[in-house]
Amino acid sequence: MRRLSPQAVLRVCEKRGREAGLRGFRPHDLRRTYVSTLLDRGVDLSVTSDLAGHASPATTKRYDRRGERARHRAAEVVAIPFPRDP
């Protein structure tokens, strides 16, 4: 089995993006979606970094598209050890 060249992957993504009506669709969009989905489903950043083939979790973090939504969800899981004011 032969591997696709980076240029071939780009051409396939551009073609499929046009067919789907997406403008500016690139292979890295798939990578960003993959990383964000793993993180969104609770996969550890270090494991996600390994799966993405990144040498550093800092690189993987740049692919995270979740933004504020993830921060708000993270804040919701923190247990507050004292009663809240009514």
N, C-alpha and C. Protein backbone atom coordinates (compact mmCIF):
# COMPACT_ATOMS: atom_id res chain seq x y z
N MET A 1 0.84 -1.17 0.00
CA MET A 1 0.00 0.00 0.00
C MET A 1 0.90 1.25 0.00
N ARG A 2 0.58 2.18 -0.87
CA ARG A 2 1.35 3.42 -0.94
C ARG A 2 0.70 4.50 -0.07
N ARG A 3 1.53 5.34 0.49
CA ARG A 3 1.05 6.47 1.29
C ARG A 3 0.69 7.63 0.37
N LEU A 4 -0.27 8.43 0.82
CA LEU A 4 -0.59 9.65 0.09
C LEU A 4 0.44 10.71 0.44
N SER A 5 0.84 11.46 -0.54
CA SER A 5 1.76 12.57 -0.29
C SER A 5 0.98 13.69 0.39
N PRO A 6 1.68 14.59 1.08
CA PRO A 6 0.98 15.74 1.68
C PRO A 6 0.19 16.53 0.63
N GLN A 7 0.73 16.65 -0.57
CA GLN A 7 0.04 17.39 -1.63
C GLN A 7 -1.25 16.68 -2.04
N ALA A 8 -1.21 15.34 -2.09
CA ALA A 8 -2.40 14.58 -2.44
C ALA A 8 -3.48 14.74 -1.37
N VAL A 9 -3.09 14.73 -0.11
CA VAL A 9 -4.04 14.92 0.98
C VAL A 9 -4.68 16.30 0.87
N LEU A 10 -3.87 17.30 0.57
CA LEU A 10 -4.38 18.66 0.41
C LEU A 10 -5.41 18.72 -0.72
N ARG A 11 -5.10 18.10 -1.84
CA ARG A 11 -6.03 18.12 -2.98
C ARG A 11 -7.34 17.42 -2.64
N VAL A 12 -7.27 16.29 -1.95
CA VAL A 12 -8.49 15.57 -1.55
C VAL A 12 -9.33 16.44 -0.61
N CYS A 13 -8.68 17.05 0.37
CA CYS A 13 -9.41 17.91 1.33
C CYS A 13 -10.04 19.11 0.63
N GLU A 14 -9.29 19.73 -0.27
CA GLU A 14 -9.84 20.88 -1.00
C GLU A 14 -11.05 20.46 -1.83
N LYS A 15 -10.94 19.32 -2.52
CA LYS A 15 -12.05 18.84 -3.35
C LYS A 15 -13.27 18.52 -2.49
N ARG A 16 -13.07 17.76 -1.43
CA ARG A 16 -14.20 17.39 -0.56
C ARG A 16 -14.78 18.62 0.14
N GLY A 17 -13.93 19.55 0.50
CA GLY A 17 -14.42 20.79 1.11
C GLY A 17 -15.30 21.57 0.16
N ARG A 18 -14.88 21.68 -1.08
CA ARG A 18 -15.70 22.37 -2.10
C ARG A 18 -17.04 21.64 -2.27
N GLU A 19 -16.99 20.31 -2.36
CA GLU A 19 -18.22 19.53 -2.54
C GLU A 19 -19.19 19.71 -1.37
N ALA A 20 -18.63 19.92 -0.18
CA ALA A 20 -19.45 20.11 1.02
C ALA A 20 -19.85 21.57 1.22
N GLY A 21 -19.36 22.46 0.36
CA GLY A 21 -19.68 23.87 0.48
C GLY A 21 -18.88 24.59 1.55
N LEU A 22 -17.74 24.03 1.93
CA LEU A 22 -16.87 24.66 2.94
C LEU A 22 -15.80 25.48 2.24
N ARG A 23 -15.60 26.67 2.73
CA ARG A 23 -14.54 27.51 2.18
C ARG A 23 -13.30 27.43 3.05
N GLY A 24 -12.14 27.33 2.43
CA GLY A 24 -10.88 27.35 3.18
C GLY A 24 -10.61 26.10 3.99
N PHE A 25 -11.23 24.98 3.64
CA PHE A 25 -11.01 23.74 4.37
C PHE A 25 -9.62 23.19 4.07
N ARG A 26 -8.88 22.83 5.13
CA ARG A 26 -7.52 22.33 4.99
C ARG A 26 -7.33 21.07 5.84
N PRO A 27 -6.31 20.27 5.53
CA PRO A 27 -6.05 19.06 6.33
C PRO A 27 -5.88 19.34 7.83
N HIS A 28 -5.32 20.47 8.17
CA HIS A 28 -5.12 20.77 9.59
C HIS A 28 -6.45 20.98 10.32
N ASP A 29 -7.51 21.28 9.58
CA ASP A 29 -8.83 21.37 10.20
C ASP A 29 -9.22 20.01 10.78
N LEU A 30 -8.88 18.94 10.07
CA LEU A 30 -9.14 17.59 10.58
C LEU A 30 -8.33 17.32 11.84
N ARG A 31 -7.10 17.77 11.83
CA ARG A 31 -6.22 17.58 12.99
C ARG A 31 -6.73 18.35 14.20
N ARG A 32 -7.15 19.59 13.98
CA ARG A 32 -7.70 20.39 15.08
C ARG A 32 -8.96 19.75 15.64
N THR A 33 -9.81 19.24 14.75
CA THR A 33 -11.04 18.59 15.19
C THR A 33 -10.72 17.32 15.99
N TYR A 34 -9.76 16.55 15.53
CA TYR A 34 -9.34 15.32 16.20
C TYR A 34 -8.85 15.63 17.62
N VAL A 35 -7.95 16.60 17.73
CA VAL A 35 -7.39 16.97 19.04
C VAL A 35 -8.49 17.51 19.96
N SER A 36 -9.31 18.41 19.45
CA SER A 36 -10.37 18.99 20.28
C SER A 36 -11.37 17.94 20.73
N THR A 37 -11.71 17.00 19.86
CA THR A 37 -12.65 15.94 20.23
C THR A 37 -12.08 15.06 21.33
N LEU A 38 -10.82 14.68 21.20
CA LEU A 38 -10.19 13.87 22.25
C LEU A 38 -10.20 14.60 23.59
N LEU A 39 -9.80 15.85 23.57
CA LEU A 39 -9.77 16.63 24.81
C LEU A 39 -11.17 16.82 25.38
N ASP A 40 -12.13 17.08 24.50
CA ASP A 40 -13.51 17.27 24.92
C ASP A 40 -14.08 16.03 25.58
N ARG A 41 -13.62 14.88 25.17
CA ARG A 41 -14.12 13.61 25.72
C ARG A 41 -13.30 13.13 26.92
N GLY A 42 -12.42 14.01 27.40
CA GLY A 42 -11.71 13.72 28.64
C GLY A 42 -10.38 13.01 28.50
N VAL A 43 -9.87 12.88 27.28
CA VAL A 43 -8.56 12.26 27.09
C VAL A 43 -7.50 13.25 27.58
N ASP A 44 -6.58 12.77 28.36
CA ASP A 44 -5.50 13.58 28.92
C ASP A 44 -4.69 14.27 27.81
N LEU A 45 -4.24 15.47 28.09
CA LEU A 45 -3.46 16.24 27.12
C LEU A 45 -2.20 15.48 26.67
N SER A 46 -1.54 14.82 27.60
CA SER A 46 -0.33 14.07 27.27
C SER A 46 -0.63 12.92 26.32
N VAL A 47 -1.72 12.19 26.56
CA VAL A 47 -2.11 11.09 25.68
C VAL A 47 -2.52 11.63 24.32
N THR A 48 -3.30 12.71 24.33
CA THR A 48 -3.72 13.34 23.07
C THR A 48 -2.50 13.77 22.27
N SER A 49 -1.51 14.32 22.95
CA SER A 49 -0.28 14.75 22.29
C SER A 49 0.42 13.56 21.61
N ASP A 50 0.49 12.44 22.32
CA ASP A 50 1.09 11.23 21.74
C ASP A 50 0.31 10.77 20.52
N LEU A 51 -1.03 10.73 20.63
CA LEU A 51 -1.86 10.28 19.52
C LEU A 51 -1.74 11.20 18.30
N ALA A 52 -1.54 12.49 18.55
CA ALA A 52 -1.41 13.45 17.46
C ALA A 52 0.01 13.44 16.86
N GLY A 53 0.92 12.75 17.53
CA GLY A 53 2.29 12.70 17.03
C GLY A 53 3.11 13.93 17.34
N HIS A 54 2.70 14.67 18.37
CA HIS A 54 3.42 15.88 18.76
C HIS A 54 4.50 15.55 19.78
N ALA A 55 5.62 16.22 19.68
CA ALA A 55 6.72 16.02 20.63
C ALA A 55 6.41 16.67 21.98
N SER A 56 5.55 17.67 21.97
CA SER A 56 5.26 18.41 23.20
C SER A 56 3.76 18.66 23.34
N PRO A 57 3.22 18.51 24.56
CA PRO A 57 1.81 18.85 24.79
C PRO A 57 1.52 20.33 24.50
N ALA A 58 2.53 21.18 24.57
CA ALA A 58 2.32 22.60 24.25
C ALA A 58 1.90 22.77 22.79
N THR A 59 2.44 21.94 21.92
CA THR A 59 2.04 21.99 20.51
C THR A 59 0.59 21.54 20.37
N THR A 60 0.23 20.47 21.06
CA THR A 60 -1.13 19.94 21.00
C THR A 60 -2.12 20.97 21.51
N LYS A 61 -1.76 21.66 22.55
CA LYS A 61 -2.64 22.67 23.14
C LYS A 61 -3.04 23.75 22.12
N ARG A 62 -2.14 24.05 21.20
CA ARG A 62 -2.45 25.07 20.18
C ARG A 62 -3.53 24.60 19.22
N TYR A 63 -3.77 23.31 19.13
CA TYR A 63 -4.80 22.77 18.25
C TYR A 63 -6.18 22.74 18.90
N ASP A 64 -6.25 23.01 20.19
CA ASP A 64 -7.50 22.92 20.94
C ASP A 64 -8.44 24.06 20.55
N ARG A 65 -9.58 23.71 20.00
CA ARG A 65 -10.58 24.71 19.56
C ARG A 65 -11.71 24.90 20.56
N ARG A 66 -11.66 24.24 21.69
CA ARG A 66 -12.80 24.25 22.60
C ARG A 66 -13.05 25.60 23.25
N GLY A 67 -12.04 26.36 23.51
CA GLY A 67 -12.18 27.71 24.06
C GLY A 67 -12.88 27.79 25.40
N GLU A 68 -13.72 28.81 25.53
CA GLU A 68 -14.40 29.12 26.79
C GLU A 68 -15.31 27.99 27.27
N ARG A 69 -15.92 27.28 26.35
CA ARG A 69 -16.83 26.19 26.71
C ARG A 69 -16.13 25.19 27.64
N ALA A 70 -14.91 24.82 27.31
CA ALA A 70 -14.16 23.86 28.13
C ALA A 70 -13.80 24.46 29.48
N ARG A 71 -13.48 25.71 29.50
CA ARG A 71 -13.12 26.37 30.77
C ARG A 71 -14.32 26.42 31.72
N HIS A 72 -15.48 26.72 31.17
CA HIS A 72 -16.69 26.78 32.00
C HIS A 72 -17.04 25.41 32.55
N ARG A 73 -16.93 24.38 31.72
CA ARG A 73 -17.22 23.02 32.19
C ARG A 73 -16.23 22.60 33.27
N ALA A 74 -14.97 22.97 33.11
CA ALA A 74 -13.96 22.63 34.10
C ALA A 74 -14.27 23.31 35.43
N ALA A 75 -14.70 24.56 35.38
CA ALA A 75 -15.03 25.28 36.61
C ALA A 75 -16.24 24.67 37.31
N GLU A 76 -17.15 24.09 36.54
CA GLU A 76 -18.35 23.49 37.13
C GLU A 76 -18.06 22.23 37.93
N VAL A 77 -16.98 21.54 37.62
CA VAL A 77 -16.69 20.30 38.33
C VAL A 77 -15.90 20.51 39.62
N VAL A 78 -15.48 21.73 39.87
CA VAL A 78 -14.74 22.01 41.10
C VAL A 78 -15.71 22.02 42.27
N ALA A 79 -15.41 21.23 43.28
CA ALA A 79 -16.26 21.16 44.48
C ALA A 79 -15.88 22.32 45.41
N ILE A 80 -16.87 23.07 45.81
CA ILE A 80 -16.64 24.19 46.72
C ILE A 80 -16.94 23.70 48.13
N PRO A 81 -15.93 23.73 49.03
CA PRO A 81 -16.08 23.11 50.36
C PRO A 81 -16.85 23.95 51.38
N PHE A 82 -17.49 25.00 50.98
CA PHE A 82 -18.26 25.82 51.91
C PHE A 82 -19.58 26.21 51.26
N PRO A 83 -20.60 26.50 52.09
CA PRO A 83 -21.91 26.84 51.52
C PRO A 83 -21.86 28.14 50.73
N ARG A 84 -22.65 28.16 49.68
CA ARG A 84 -22.75 29.39 48.88
C ARG A 84 -23.79 30.31 49.48
N ASP A 85 -23.62 31.60 49.29
CA ASP A 85 -24.62 32.57 49.76
C ASP A 85 -25.88 32.42 48.91
N PRO A 86 -27.06 32.48 49.56
CA PRO A 86 -28.31 32.35 48.80
C PRO A 86 -28.57 33.52 47.88
